[in-house]
């Protein structure tokens, strides 16, 4: 790549542009919050990187959250079955009404 006046930016300018991008997108705030949490942690974790991953990504879900979601899924599946049955019944009733209307129109 040839450097010309058109494509040349000083390193400081590129760094500043990147910093503004990180600030605008909220990355700096998120990183600052996680680093402050790590700093304030009374017992430092053995892996700071794992600490950062867990806190940035929200960490793994709690077992109680998983159980609550499984229960909700089960309840929703049951409700879905009930609604499918109800839909089937209503479709049958609708067909009967449509048949009666056709008979009345042809009479």
N, C-alpha and C. Protein backbone atom coordinates (compact mmCIF):
# COMPACT_ATOMS: atom_id res chain seq x y z
N UNK A 1 0.85 -1.18 0.00
CA UNK A 1 0.00 0.00 0.00
C UNK A 1 0.89 1.24 0.00
N UNK A 2 0.56 2.14 -0.83
CA UNK A 2 1.35 3.37 -0.93
C UNK A 2 0.71 4.44 -0.06
N UNK A 3 1.51 5.13 0.71
CA UNK A 3 1.01 6.19 1.57
C UNK A 3 0.98 7.51 0.80
N UNK A 4 -0.19 8.08 0.79
CA UNK A 4 -0.36 9.39 0.16
C UNK A 4 -1.02 10.30 1.17
N UNK A 5 -1.12 11.54 0.83
CA UNK A 5 -1.76 12.50 1.73
C UNK A 5 -3.24 12.17 1.91
N UNK A 6 -3.86 11.50 0.93
CA UNK A 6 -5.29 11.18 1.00
C UNK A 6 -5.60 10.07 2.01
N UNK A 7 -4.73 9.07 2.11
CA UNK A 7 -5.05 7.94 2.98
C UNK A 7 -4.21 7.92 4.27
N UNK A 8 -3.47 8.95 4.56
CA UNK A 8 -2.63 8.99 5.75
C UNK A 8 -3.32 9.73 6.88
N UNK A 9 -3.39 9.07 8.05
CA UNK A 9 -3.88 9.71 9.27
C UNK A 9 -2.85 9.44 10.34
N UNK A 10 -2.49 10.41 11.09
CA UNK A 10 -1.55 10.15 12.17
C UNK A 10 -2.12 9.13 13.15
N UNK A 11 -1.26 8.38 13.80
CA UNK A 11 -1.68 7.33 14.73
C UNK A 11 -2.55 7.91 15.84
N UNK A 12 -2.22 9.09 16.33
CA UNK A 12 -3.01 9.70 17.39
C UNK A 12 -4.43 9.98 16.93
N UNK A 13 -4.59 10.39 15.70
CA UNK A 13 -5.91 10.68 15.15
C UNK A 13 -6.74 9.40 15.07
N UNK A 14 -6.12 8.32 14.63
CA UNK A 14 -6.83 7.03 14.54
C UNK A 14 -7.22 6.53 15.93
N UNK A 15 -6.31 6.69 16.87
CA UNK A 15 -6.61 6.27 18.25
C UNK A 15 -7.77 7.07 18.81
N UNK A 16 -7.75 8.35 18.59
CA UNK A 16 -8.81 9.22 19.10
C UNK A 16 -10.16 8.87 18.46
N UNK A 17 -10.14 8.58 17.18
CA UNK A 17 -11.36 8.19 16.46
C UNK A 17 -11.90 6.87 17.04
N UNK A 18 -11.01 5.93 17.29
CA UNK A 18 -11.42 4.64 17.85
C UNK A 18 -11.96 4.82 19.27
N UNK A 19 -11.30 5.67 20.05
CA UNK A 19 -11.77 5.94 21.42
C UNK A 19 -13.17 6.54 21.40
N UNK A 20 -13.43 7.47 20.50
CA UNK A 20 -14.77 8.08 20.39
C UNK A 20 -15.80 7.03 20.00
N UNK A 21 -15.41 6.13 19.10
CA UNK A 21 -16.30 5.04 18.70
C UNK A 21 -16.65 4.16 19.91
N UNK A 22 -15.65 3.77 20.70
CA UNK A 22 -15.89 2.94 21.88
C UNK A 22 -16.76 3.67 22.89
N UNK A 23 -16.52 4.94 23.06
CA UNK A 23 -17.30 5.73 24.01
C UNK A 23 -18.75 5.85 23.54
N UNK A 24 -18.94 6.14 22.28
CA UNK A 24 -20.28 6.32 21.72
C UNK A 24 -21.10 5.03 21.79
N UNK A 25 -20.45 3.90 21.58
CA UNK A 25 -21.16 2.62 21.57
C UNK A 25 -21.39 2.04 22.96
N UNK A 26 -20.85 2.71 24.00
CA UNK A 26 -21.08 2.26 25.37
C UNK A 26 -20.09 1.23 25.88
N UNK A 27 -19.11 0.89 25.06
CA UNK A 27 -18.12 -0.12 25.45
C UNK A 27 -17.28 0.37 26.64
N UNK A 28 -16.87 1.62 26.60
CA UNK A 28 -16.04 2.13 27.70
C UNK A 28 -16.78 2.10 29.03
N UNK A 29 -18.07 2.46 29.02
CA UNK A 29 -18.86 2.41 30.25
C UNK A 29 -18.97 0.98 30.78
N UNK A 30 -19.25 0.05 29.88
CA UNK A 30 -19.39 -1.35 30.30
C UNK A 30 -18.09 -1.89 30.87
N UNK A 31 -17.00 -1.63 30.18
CA UNK A 31 -15.70 -2.10 30.68
C UNK A 31 -15.35 -1.46 32.01
N UNK A 32 -15.62 -0.19 32.14
CA UNK A 32 -15.32 0.51 33.39
C UNK A 32 -16.10 -0.10 34.54
N UNK A 33 -17.38 -0.36 34.34
CA UNK A 33 -18.21 -0.95 35.39
C UNK A 33 -17.69 -2.32 35.81
N UNK A 34 -17.32 -3.14 34.84
CA UNK A 34 -16.81 -4.48 35.16
C UNK A 34 -15.47 -4.40 35.87
N UNK A 35 -14.61 -3.51 35.42
CA UNK A 35 -13.30 -3.37 36.07
C UNK A 35 -13.44 -2.82 37.48
N UNK A 36 -14.38 -1.92 37.70
CA UNK A 36 -14.63 -1.41 39.06
C UNK A 36 -15.14 -2.55 39.94
N UNK A 37 -16.05 -3.38 39.40
CA UNK A 37 -16.56 -4.53 40.16
C UNK A 37 -15.42 -5.47 40.53
N UNK A 38 -14.51 -5.71 39.60
CA UNK A 38 -13.35 -6.56 39.88
C UNK A 38 -12.46 -5.92 40.94
N UNK A 39 -12.24 -4.63 40.86
CA UNK A 39 -11.43 -3.91 41.82
C UNK A 39 -12.04 -3.99 43.22
N UNK A 40 -13.36 -3.88 43.29
CA UNK A 40 -14.05 -3.88 44.58
C UNK A 40 -14.30 -5.29 45.12
N UNK A 41 -14.01 -6.30 44.35
CA UNK A 41 -14.19 -7.68 44.79
C UNK A 41 -13.24 -7.95 45.96
N UNK A 42 -13.78 -8.35 47.15
CA UNK A 42 -12.91 -8.56 48.31
C UNK A 42 -11.90 -9.69 48.09
N UNK A 43 -12.37 -10.78 47.48
CA UNK A 43 -11.45 -11.88 47.17
C UNK A 43 -11.30 -11.94 45.66
N UNK A 44 -10.13 -11.59 45.21
CA UNK A 44 -9.90 -11.54 43.77
C UNK A 44 -10.01 -12.94 43.18
N UNK A 45 -10.69 -13.07 42.06
CA UNK A 45 -10.81 -14.39 41.42
C UNK A 45 -9.47 -14.85 40.87
N UNK A 46 -9.34 -16.17 40.73
CA UNK A 46 -8.08 -16.70 40.22
C UNK A 46 -7.88 -16.31 38.75
N UNK A 47 -8.97 -16.12 38.03
CA UNK A 47 -8.87 -15.72 36.63
C UNK A 47 -9.66 -14.43 36.41
N UNK A 48 -8.95 -13.36 36.22
CA UNK A 48 -9.60 -12.08 35.97
C UNK A 48 -10.34 -12.10 34.63
N UNK A 49 -9.79 -12.82 33.67
CA UNK A 49 -10.43 -12.91 32.36
C UNK A 49 -11.79 -13.60 32.47
N UNK A 50 -11.86 -14.69 33.24
CA UNK A 50 -13.15 -15.37 33.44
C UNK A 50 -14.14 -14.45 34.16
N UNK A 51 -13.65 -13.69 35.11
CA UNK A 51 -14.49 -12.73 35.82
C UNK A 51 -15.08 -11.72 34.82
N UNK A 52 -14.24 -11.19 33.95
CA UNK A 52 -14.70 -10.23 32.94
C UNK A 52 -15.72 -10.87 32.01
N UNK A 53 -15.44 -12.09 31.56
CA UNK A 53 -16.38 -12.77 30.65
C UNK A 53 -17.74 -12.95 31.30
N UNK A 54 -17.73 -13.41 32.54
CA UNK A 54 -19.00 -13.65 33.23
C UNK A 54 -19.78 -12.36 33.44
N UNK A 55 -19.10 -11.30 33.79
CA UNK A 55 -19.81 -10.06 34.09
C UNK A 55 -20.21 -9.28 32.84
N UNK A 56 -19.44 -9.40 31.79
CA UNK A 56 -19.81 -8.72 30.55
C UNK A 56 -20.95 -9.48 29.87
N UNK A 57 -20.85 -10.79 29.84
CA UNK A 57 -21.87 -11.59 29.18
C UNK A 57 -23.08 -11.84 30.07
N UNK A 58 -23.03 -11.39 31.29
CA UNK A 58 -24.14 -11.61 32.21
C UNK A 58 -23.97 -12.85 33.05
N UNK A 59 -22.97 -13.64 32.78
CA UNK A 59 -22.71 -14.83 33.58
C UNK A 59 -23.68 -15.95 33.29
N UNK A 60 -23.37 -17.12 33.80
CA UNK A 60 -24.26 -18.25 33.57
C UNK A 60 -25.55 -18.08 34.37
N UNK A 61 -26.66 -18.61 33.87
CA UNK A 61 -27.92 -18.47 34.59
C UNK A 61 -27.91 -19.31 35.87
N UNK A 62 -28.67 -18.85 36.87
CA UNK A 62 -28.79 -19.60 38.11
C UNK A 62 -29.66 -20.84 37.88
N UNK A 63 -29.44 -21.87 38.70
CA UNK A 63 -30.25 -23.09 38.59
C UNK A 63 -31.72 -22.79 38.82
N UNK A 64 -32.02 -21.86 39.73
CA UNK A 64 -33.42 -21.52 39.98
C UNK A 64 -34.05 -20.86 38.75
N UNK A 65 -33.27 -20.07 38.02
CA UNK A 65 -33.76 -19.46 36.79
C UNK A 65 -34.04 -20.53 35.74
N UNK A 66 -33.14 -21.49 35.65
CA UNK A 66 -33.30 -22.57 34.68
C UNK A 66 -34.56 -23.37 35.00
N UNK A 67 -34.75 -23.71 36.26
CA UNK A 67 -35.95 -24.48 36.67
C UNK A 67 -37.22 -23.69 36.40
N UNK A 68 -37.20 -22.40 36.70
CA UNK A 68 -38.38 -21.56 36.45
C UNK A 68 -38.71 -21.53 34.96
N UNK A 69 -37.68 -21.43 34.13
CA UNK A 69 -37.90 -21.41 32.68
C UNK A 69 -38.41 -22.76 32.18
N UNK A 70 -37.89 -23.85 32.74
CA UNK A 70 -38.38 -25.18 32.34
C UNK A 70 -39.85 -25.35 32.71
N UNK A 71 -40.22 -24.88 33.90
CA UNK A 71 -41.61 -24.95 34.32
C UNK A 71 -42.49 -24.12 33.40
N UNK A 72 -42.02 -22.92 33.07
CA UNK A 72 -42.79 -22.06 32.18
C UNK A 72 -42.96 -22.70 30.80
N UNK A 73 -41.92 -23.32 30.29
CA UNK A 73 -41.99 -24.01 29.00
C UNK A 73 -43.03 -25.12 29.06
N UNK A 74 -42.99 -25.90 30.14
CA UNK A 74 -43.95 -26.99 30.31
C UNK A 74 -45.39 -26.46 30.34
N UNK A 75 -45.60 -25.39 31.09
CA UNK A 75 -46.94 -24.80 31.18
C UNK A 75 -47.39 -24.24 29.83
N UNK A 76 -46.47 -23.62 29.12
CA UNK A 76 -46.81 -23.06 27.81
C UNK A 76 -47.11 -24.16 26.79
N UNK A 77 -46.38 -25.27 26.86
CA UNK A 77 -46.68 -26.39 25.96
C UNK A 77 -48.07 -26.95 26.24
N UNK A 78 -48.41 -27.06 27.52
CA UNK A 78 -49.74 -27.56 27.89
C UNK A 78 -50.83 -26.59 27.40
N UNK A 79 -50.61 -25.31 27.59
CA UNK A 79 -51.58 -24.31 27.14
C UNK A 79 -51.70 -24.33 25.61
N UNK A 80 -50.60 -24.55 24.94
CA UNK A 80 -50.61 -24.64 23.48
C UNK A 80 -51.47 -25.82 23.02
N UNK A 81 -51.35 -26.97 23.70
CA UNK A 81 -52.17 -28.14 23.37
C UNK A 81 -53.65 -27.81 23.55
N UNK A 82 -53.96 -27.15 24.67
CA UNK A 82 -55.35 -26.77 24.94
C UNK A 82 -55.88 -25.85 23.84
N UNK A 83 -55.08 -24.90 23.44
CA UNK A 83 -55.51 -23.96 22.41
C UNK A 83 -55.65 -24.63 21.04
N UNK A 84 -54.80 -25.60 20.75
CA UNK A 84 -54.93 -26.35 19.49
C UNK A 84 -56.23 -27.14 19.46
N UNK A 85 -56.59 -27.74 20.60
CA UNK A 85 -57.86 -28.48 20.68
C UNK A 85 -59.02 -27.52 20.50
N UNK A 86 -58.96 -26.38 21.19
CA UNK A 86 -60.02 -25.38 21.08
C UNK A 86 -60.14 -24.88 19.64
N UNK A 87 -59.02 -24.66 18.99
CA UNK A 87 -59.02 -24.21 17.60
C UNK A 87 -59.68 -25.25 16.70
N UNK A 88 -59.36 -26.51 16.93
CA UNK A 88 -59.94 -27.59 16.13
C UNK A 88 -61.46 -27.63 16.30
N UNK A 89 -61.92 -27.49 17.54
CA UNK A 89 -63.36 -27.49 17.82
C UNK A 89 -64.02 -26.30 17.12
N UNK A 90 -63.43 -25.13 17.24
CA UNK A 90 -64.00 -23.93 16.63
C UNK A 90 -64.01 -24.02 15.10
N UNK A 91 -62.99 -24.63 14.52
CA UNK A 91 -62.98 -24.82 13.06
C UNK A 91 -64.12 -25.73 12.64
N UNK A 92 -64.36 -26.77 13.44
CA UNK A 92 -65.48 -27.68 13.13
C UNK A 92 -66.81 -26.95 13.20
N UNK A 93 -66.99 -26.14 14.25
CA UNK A 93 -68.23 -25.36 14.38
C UNK A 93 -68.38 -24.38 13.23
N UNK A 94 -67.30 -23.77 12.84
CA UNK A 94 -67.32 -22.80 11.74
C UNK A 94 -67.74 -23.49 10.44
N UNK A 95 -67.19 -24.67 10.20
CA UNK A 95 -67.56 -25.43 8.99
C UNK A 95 -69.05 -25.77 9.00
N UNK A 96 -69.59 -26.15 10.17
CA UNK A 96 -71.02 -26.47 10.26
C UNK A 96 -71.86 -25.25 9.94
N UNK A 97 -71.47 -24.10 10.48
CA UNK A 97 -72.21 -22.86 10.23
C UNK A 97 -72.13 -22.50 8.74
N UNK A 98 -70.95 -22.64 8.16
CA UNK A 98 -70.79 -22.35 6.73
C UNK A 98 -71.66 -23.28 5.89
N UNK A 99 -71.73 -24.56 6.27
CA UNK A 99 -72.58 -25.51 5.55
C UNK A 99 -74.05 -25.11 5.64
N UNK A 100 -74.50 -24.68 6.85
CA UNK A 100 -75.89 -24.25 7.03
C UNK A 100 -76.18 -23.02 6.18
N UNK A 101 -75.23 -22.09 6.12
CA UNK A 101 -75.42 -20.87 5.34
C UNK A 101 -75.53 -21.24 3.86
N UNK A 102 -74.69 -22.16 3.39
CA UNK A 102 -74.76 -22.60 1.99
C UNK A 102 -76.11 -23.23 1.67
N UNK A 103 -76.58 -24.08 2.57
CA UNK A 103 -77.87 -24.75 2.36
C UNK A 103 -79.00 -23.70 2.31
N UNK A 104 -78.94 -22.72 3.20
CA UNK A 104 -79.97 -21.69 3.22
C UNK A 104 -79.91 -20.82 1.96
N UNK A 105 -78.72 -20.59 1.44
CA UNK A 105 -78.59 -19.75 0.27
C UNK A 105 -79.08 -20.48 -0.98
N UNK A 106 -78.91 -21.78 -1.01
CA UNK A 106 -79.35 -22.54 -2.19
C UNK A 106 -80.82 -22.88 -2.15
N UNK A 107 -81.45 -22.71 -0.99
CA UNK A 107 -82.88 -23.04 -0.87
C UNK A 107 -83.75 -21.92 -1.32
